[in-house]
Protein backbone atom coordinates (compact mmCIF):
# COMPACT_ATOMS: atom_id res chain seq x y z
CA UNK A 1 -18.46 -1.85 -21.40
CA UNK A 2 -17.92 -0.02 -18.10
CA UNK A 3 -18.19 3.15 -20.45
CA UNK A 4 -21.85 1.75 -21.34
CA UNK A 5 -23.05 0.21 -18.30
CA UNK A 6 -22.88 0.44 -14.67
CA UNK A 7 -20.93 -2.96 -13.44
CA UNK A 8 -21.20 -4.01 -9.98
CA UNK A 9 -20.04 -7.07 -7.82
CA UNK A 10 -22.29 -9.37 -5.89
CA UNK A 11 -20.02 -11.68 -4.02
CA UNK A 12 -20.32 -14.41 -1.28
CA UNK A 13 -17.16 -13.47 0.09
CA UNK A 14 -16.07 -10.05 1.81
CA UNK A 15 -16.59 -7.08 -0.24
CA UNK A 16 -13.14 -5.08 0.70
CA UNK A 17 -11.37 -8.37 -0.29
CA UNK A 18 -13.13 -8.67 -3.71
CA UNK A 19 -12.23 -5.03 -4.02
CA UNK A 20 -8.56 -5.12 -3.12
CA UNK A 21 -8.61 -8.51 -5.82
CA UNK A 22 -9.77 -6.46 -8.44
CA UNK A 23 -7.83 -3.48 -7.83
CA UNK A 24 -4.61 -5.68 -7.93
CA UNK A 25 -5.63 -7.14 -11.10
CA UNK A 26 -6.25 -3.62 -12.49
CA UNK A 27 -9.54 -4.08 -13.42
CA UNK A 28 -11.48 -2.65 -9.92
CA UNK A 29 -11.95 0.95 -11.75
CA UNK A 30 -14.64 -0.74 -13.80
CA UNK A 31 -16.84 -1.62 -11.18
CA UNK A 32 -19.22 1.27 -9.67
CA UNK A 33 -20.35 -0.88 -6.51
CA UNK A 34 -19.72 -4.04 -4.62
CA UNK A 35 -22.71 -5.70 -2.84
CA UNK A 36 -22.43 -9.36 -0.67
CA UNK A 37 -21.56 -10.50 2.58
CA UNK A 38 -24.87 -9.44 4.50
CA UNK A 39 -27.02 -11.08 2.01
CA UNK A 40 -25.59 -13.56 -0.44
CA UNK A 41 -26.57 -15.59 -3.48
CA UNK A 42 -28.56 -17.30 -4.34
CA UNK A 43 -31.23 -15.57 -1.94
CA UNK A 44 -33.46 -13.29 -3.94
CA UNK A 45 -33.03 -10.48 -1.47
CA UNK A 46 -28.90 -10.19 -2.34
CA UNK A 47 -29.79 -9.77 -6.01
CA UNK A 48 -32.31 -7.00 -5.18
CA UNK A 49 -29.76 -5.24 -3.15
CA UNK A 50 -27.12 -5.77 -6.04
CA UNK A 51 -29.61 -3.95 -8.29
CA UNK A 52 -29.28 -0.71 -6.80
CA UNK A 53 -31.55 1.90 -7.73
CA UNK A 54 -32.62 -0.37 -10.76
CA UNK A 55 -35.50 -2.52 -11.52
CA UNK A 56 -34.20 -6.33 -11.68
CA UNK A 57 -35.80 -6.25 -15.31
CA UNK A 58 -32.98 -3.52 -16.18
CA UNK A 59 -29.94 -5.91 -14.96
CA UNK A 60 -28.22 -8.70 -16.16
CA UNK A 61 -26.06 -10.91 -13.83
CA UNK A 62 -23.34 -12.56 -15.34
CA UNK A 63 -21.98 -15.52 -13.57
CA UNK A 64 -19.86 -18.41 -13.94
CA UNK A 65 -22.04 -20.82 -11.46
CA UNK A 66 -25.36 -21.78 -12.45
CA UNK A 67 -26.99 -22.70 -9.22
CA UNK A 68 -25.99 -19.77 -7.08
CA UNK A 69 -25.88 -16.93 -10.01
CA UNK A 70 -28.30 -17.81 -12.65
CA UNK A 71 -30.98 -19.43 -10.94
CA UNK A 72 -30.60 -16.97 -7.79
CA UNK A 73 -30.86 -14.19 -10.37
CA UNK A 74 -33.74 -15.56 -12.41
CA UNK A 75 -35.73 -15.81 -9.48
CA UNK A 76 -35.39 -12.10 -8.50
CA UNK A 77 -36.31 -11.44 -12.06
CA UNK A 78 -32.94 -10.53 -13.61
CA UNK A 79 -31.66 -11.39 -16.93
CA UNK A 80 -28.89 -13.39 -16.96
CA UNK A 81 -25.64 -14.74 -19.03
CA UNK A 82 -23.95 -17.59 -17.99
CA UNK A 83 -20.63 -18.02 -18.05
CA UNK A 84 -19.64 -21.80 -18.65
CA UNK A 85 -16.17 -21.92 -17.99
CA UNK A 86 -16.27 -25.37 -16.45
CA UNK A 87 -17.97 -26.89 -19.76
CA UNK A 88 -20.89 -28.14 -18.17
CA UNK A 89 -23.58 -29.37 -20.23
CA UNK A 90 -26.29 -26.93 -21.64
CA UNK A 91 -29.55 -26.84 -22.08
CA UNK A 92 -32.02 -24.23 -23.69
CA UNK A 93 -33.35 -23.63 -19.74
CA UNK A 94 -30.06 -22.03 -18.88
CA UNK A 95 -30.69 -19.36 -21.07
CA UNK A 96 -28.03 -17.21 -22.70
CA UNK A 97 -24.77 -18.92 -22.51
CA UNK A 98 -21.15 -18.07 -23.32
CA UNK A 99 -17.78 -19.72 -22.82
CA UNK A 100 -15.68 -17.04 -21.47
CA UNK A 101 -16.38 -12.70 -20.22
CA UNK A 102 -14.35 -12.19 -23.65
CA UNK A 103 -17.65 -13.38 -25.54
CA UNK A 104 -19.79 -10.93 -23.94
CA UNK A 105 -20.93 -8.11 -26.02
CA UNK A 106 -23.97 -5.79 -26.69
CA UNK A 107 -26.06 -8.16 -28.67
CA UNK A 108 -25.24 -11.17 -25.99
CA UNK A 109 -26.71 -8.62 -23.58
CA UNK A 110 -29.91 -8.00 -25.76
CA UNK A 111 -30.12 -11.82 -26.53
CA UNK A 112 -29.80 -12.18 -22.66
CA UNK A 113 -33.55 -10.21 -22.45
CA UNK A 114 -34.92 -11.82 -25.05
CA UNK A 115 -34.09 -15.41 -23.41
CA UNK A 116 -35.27 -14.49 -20.18
CA UNK A 117 -38.48 -13.10 -21.28
CA UNK A 118 -39.03 -17.14 -22.27
CA UNK A 119 -38.28 -18.28 -19.05
């Protein structure tokens, strides 16, 4: 995905800690930028800031916390993919849902834009 998309992190923790954690996992190189600390989820401003130079409608929030990640992102105008790793009951209003990040493909990303147009 990092070859086709610019991937950033929006965290409610310290960005340096997140960067180090992802580097230790061997995946830090896939992330272009890290956002958080100053403005945190689910505040609209945090998502807008994490969009960088892009419009919110050009971005997709992938998150595993429905309230913090998905509702906050939708409020800011981002497309969303909810990673339902905890097995919560899913409704149509939740938009695009996957059970793990490994399921996310280009078609799932496109589906998220279509689903969020209906919100």
